[in-house]
N, C-alpha and C. Protein backbone atom coordinates (compact mmCIF):
# COMPACT_ATOMS: atom_id res chain seq x y z
N UNK A 1 -30.67 24.41 -83.79
CA UNK A 1 -29.59 24.46 -82.75
C UNK A 1 -29.46 23.01 -82.62
N UNK A 2 -28.15 22.41 -82.19
CA UNK A 2 -27.75 21.18 -81.95
C UNK A 2 -27.49 20.78 -80.67
N UNK A 3 -27.75 19.74 -80.13
CA UNK A 3 -27.60 19.13 -78.92
C UNK A 3 -26.27 18.54 -78.55
N UNK A 4 -25.77 18.39 -77.84
CA UNK A 4 -24.26 17.41 -77.59
C UNK A 4 -24.77 16.07 -77.55
N UNK A 5 -23.62 14.81 -77.01
CA UNK A 5 -24.19 13.78 -76.92
C UNK A 5 -25.05 13.79 -75.67
N UNK A 6 -25.75 12.62 -76.00
CA UNK A 6 -26.82 12.24 -74.74
C UNK A 6 -25.97 11.84 -73.20
N UNK A 7 -26.28 12.22 -72.24
CA UNK A 7 -25.42 11.62 -70.88
C UNK A 7 -26.23 10.63 -70.54
N UNK A 8 -25.76 9.50 -70.23
CA UNK A 8 -26.58 8.21 -69.64
C UNK A 8 -26.99 8.40 -68.30
N UNK A 9 -28.31 7.94 -68.13
CA UNK A 9 -28.62 8.23 -66.51
C UNK A 9 -27.54 7.73 -65.63
N UNK A 10 -27.52 8.47 -64.32
CA UNK A 10 -26.28 7.90 -63.29
C UNK A 10 -26.82 7.41 -61.95
N UNK A 11 -26.34 6.59 -61.55
CA UNK A 11 -26.71 5.94 -60.56
C UNK A 11 -25.84 5.20 -59.62
N UNK A 12 -26.24 5.40 -58.02
CA UNK A 12 -24.92 4.83 -57.20
C UNK A 12 -25.73 4.47 -55.94
N UNK A 13 -24.76 4.17 -54.81
CA UNK A 13 -25.30 3.99 -53.63
C UNK A 13 -24.13 4.29 -52.76
N UNK A 14 -24.36 4.70 -51.55
CA UNK A 14 -23.35 4.81 -50.36
C UNK A 14 -23.92 4.14 -48.98
N UNK A 15 -23.09 3.38 -48.35
CA UNK A 15 -23.65 2.71 -46.86
C UNK A 15 -23.20 3.75 -46.12
N UNK A 16 -23.52 3.97 -45.14
CA UNK A 16 -23.17 4.72 -43.77
C UNK A 16 -23.49 4.26 -42.61
N UNK A 17 -22.57 4.34 -41.66
CA UNK A 17 -22.68 3.62 -40.29
C UNK A 17 -23.80 4.33 -39.03
N UNK A 18 -24.70 4.72 -39.69
CA UNK A 18 -25.74 5.55 -39.20
C UNK A 18 -27.03 5.19 -38.86
N UNK A 19 -27.87 5.77 -38.04
CA UNK A 19 -29.13 5.39 -38.18
C UNK A 19 -29.68 5.98 -39.16
N UNK A 20 -30.99 5.34 -39.61
CA UNK A 20 -31.85 6.00 -40.79
C UNK A 20 -32.14 7.57 -40.58
N UNK A 21 -33.02 7.43 -39.46
CA UNK A 21 -32.97 9.17 -39.09
C UNK A 21 -32.16 9.90 -39.52
N UNK A 22 -30.72 9.87 -38.68
CA UNK A 22 -29.66 10.58 -38.50
C UNK A 22 -29.42 10.99 -40.37
N UNK A 23 -29.16 9.86 -41.18
CA UNK A 23 -28.50 9.89 -42.40
C UNK A 23 -29.77 10.81 -43.20
N UNK A 24 -31.04 10.48 -42.71
CA UNK A 24 -32.09 11.47 -43.80
C UNK A 24 -31.78 12.68 -43.17
N UNK A 25 -31.42 13.14 -41.86
CA UNK A 25 -31.44 14.42 -41.38
C UNK A 25 -30.05 15.06 -41.98
N UNK A 26 -29.00 14.58 -42.33
CA UNK A 26 -27.76 14.90 -43.14
C UNK A 26 -28.21 15.39 -44.53
N UNK A 27 -28.82 14.46 -45.25
CA UNK A 27 -28.93 14.69 -46.52
C UNK A 27 -29.94 15.51 -46.86
N UNK A 28 -30.83 15.81 -46.05
CA UNK A 28 -31.88 16.99 -46.18
C UNK A 28 -31.45 18.11 -45.53
N UNK A 29 -31.91 18.24 -44.10
CA UNK A 29 -31.54 19.80 -43.64
C UNK A 29 -30.10 19.90 -43.70
N UNK A 30 -29.17 19.20 -43.71
CA UNK A 30 -27.74 19.95 -43.81
C UNK A 30 -26.91 19.68 -45.29
N UNK A 31 -27.94 19.54 -46.36
CA UNK A 31 -27.49 19.13 -47.64
C UNK A 31 -26.45 19.99 -48.18
N UNK A 32 -26.36 21.25 -47.67
CA UNK A 32 -25.34 22.45 -48.14
C UNK A 32 -24.23 21.94 -47.52
N UNK A 33 -23.69 21.21 -46.35
CA UNK A 33 -22.59 20.87 -46.07
C UNK A 33 -21.85 19.72 -46.47
N UNK A 34 -22.42 18.77 -47.40
CA UNK A 34 -21.92 17.81 -48.14
C UNK A 34 -21.88 17.88 -49.85
N UNK A 35 -22.97 18.95 -50.28
CA UNK A 35 -22.97 18.88 -51.77
C UNK A 35 -21.82 19.89 -52.38
N UNK A 36 -20.92 19.40 -52.97
CA UNK A 36 -19.74 20.27 -53.54
C UNK A 36 -20.03 21.02 -54.43
N UNK A 37 -19.71 22.62 -54.08
CA UNK A 37 -20.47 23.74 -54.89
C UNK A 37 -19.77 24.17 -55.88
N UNK A 38 -18.63 23.37 -56.35
CA UNK A 38 -18.50 23.61 -57.70
C UNK A 38 -19.19 22.84 -58.70
N UNK A 39 -20.39 21.98 -58.19
CA UNK A 39 -21.43 21.48 -59.16
C UNK A 39 -22.28 22.36 -59.05
N UNK A 40 -22.92 23.09 -59.78
CA UNK A 40 -24.06 24.05 -59.72
C UNK A 40 -24.62 24.35 -60.97
N UNK A 41 -25.75 25.03 -60.75
CA UNK A 41 -26.54 25.06 -62.29
C UNK A 41 -26.83 26.67 -62.72
N UNK A 42 -26.50 27.30 -61.70
CA UNK A 42 -26.82 28.71 -61.67
C UNK A 42 -25.82 29.31 -62.07
N UNK A 43 -25.58 30.87 -62.92
CA UNK A 43 -24.65 31.58 -63.86
C UNK A 43 -23.61 31.61 -62.48
N UNK A 44 -24.00 31.96 -61.26
CA UNK A 44 -23.32 32.58 -60.13
C UNK A 44 -22.74 31.65 -59.27
N UNK A 45 -21.91 32.01 -58.82
CA UNK A 45 -21.20 30.88 -57.75
C UNK A 45 -22.29 30.76 -56.69
N UNK A 46 -22.25 29.49 -55.91
CA UNK A 46 -23.25 29.09 -55.14
C UNK A 46 -23.22 29.60 -53.59
N UNK A 47 -24.20 30.42 -53.18
CA UNK A 47 -24.40 30.79 -51.73
C UNK A 47 -24.75 29.90 -50.81
N UNK A 48 -25.85 29.21 -51.44
CA UNK A 48 -26.51 28.09 -50.44
C UNK A 48 -27.26 26.78 -51.24
N UNK A 49 -27.43 25.82 -50.83
CA UNK A 49 -28.15 24.78 -51.61
C UNK A 49 -29.25 24.11 -50.76
N UNK A 50 -30.38 24.40 -51.11
CA UNK A 50 -31.26 23.64 -50.17
C UNK A 50 -32.08 22.65 -50.55
N UNK A 51 -31.97 21.47 -49.93
CA UNK A 51 -33.15 20.52 -50.35
C UNK A 51 -34.39 20.71 -48.94
N UNK A 52 -35.48 21.04 -49.22
CA UNK A 52 -36.44 21.32 -48.31
C UNK A 52 -37.12 19.68 -48.10
N UNK A 53 -36.96 19.32 -46.84
CA UNK A 53 -37.24 17.62 -46.43
C UNK A 53 -38.83 17.65 -46.17
N UNK A 54 -39.65 17.81 -47.08
CA UNK A 54 -40.92 17.86 -46.89
C UNK A 54 -41.83 17.28 -48.11
N UNK A 55 -42.95 16.91 -48.37
CA UNK A 55 -43.69 16.70 -49.21
C UNK A 55 -43.72 17.83 -50.04
N UNK A 56 -43.71 17.77 -51.20
CA UNK A 56 -43.92 19.22 -52.05
C UNK A 56 -42.43 20.14 -51.86
N UNK A 57 -41.71 19.54 -51.27
CA UNK A 57 -40.45 20.80 -50.88
C UNK A 57 -39.80 20.86 -51.85
N UNK A 58 -38.73 21.82 -52.21
CA UNK A 58 -38.09 22.45 -53.25
C UNK A 58 -36.50 21.74 -53.12
N UNK A 59 -36.01 21.52 -54.24
CA UNK A 59 -34.66 21.65 -53.92
C UNK A 59 -33.97 22.67 -55.07
N UNK A 60 -33.11 23.37 -54.36
CA UNK A 60 -32.76 24.47 -55.36
C UNK A 60 -31.30 25.17 -54.79
N UNK A 61 -30.53 25.97 -55.68
CA UNK A 61 -29.38 26.54 -55.12
C UNK A 61 -29.81 27.99 -55.33
N UNK A 62 -29.16 28.71 -54.46
CA UNK A 62 -29.25 30.33 -54.34
C UNK A 62 -28.01 30.73 -54.73
N UNK A 63 -27.48 31.58 -55.54
CA UNK A 63 -26.27 32.09 -56.11
C UNK A 63 -25.94 33.26 -55.23
N UNK A 64 -24.72 33.71 -55.22
CA UNK A 64 -24.24 34.87 -54.33
C UNK A 64 -25.05 36.21 -54.90
N UNK A 65 -25.41 36.11 -56.02
CA UNK A 65 -26.24 36.94 -56.65
C UNK A 65 -27.74 37.25 -56.31
N UNK A 66 -28.34 36.14 -55.10
CA UNK A 66 -29.47 36.32 -55.05
C UNK A 66 -30.42 35.20 -55.82
N UNK A 67 -30.25 34.84 -56.98
CA UNK A 67 -30.74 34.14 -57.60
C UNK A 67 -30.92 33.05 -57.42
N UNK A 68 -32.30 32.15 -57.37
CA UNK A 68 -32.20 30.87 -57.14
C UNK A 68 -32.50 30.16 -58.48
N UNK A 69 -32.20 28.94 -58.49
CA UNK A 69 -32.24 27.89 -59.59
C UNK A 69 -32.63 26.61 -58.93
N UNK A 70 -34.01 26.12 -59.68
CA UNK A 70 -34.60 24.91 -59.10
C UNK A 70 -34.10 23.39 -59.76
């Protein structure tokens, strides 16, 4: 089995004019509202994307078929 070309690491930043607490709330608890659903890792279309805002929390997507991908 051969692999394709290596993908270089990506990085970026965005500055928003809101308090840090509000930005964290939107980024974590409402992750599903801003992440483009066409970018997903599961086989099925995305039903929900979840980023659990706690130590040890999961970042996963749930497909319309009910399966989850971390």
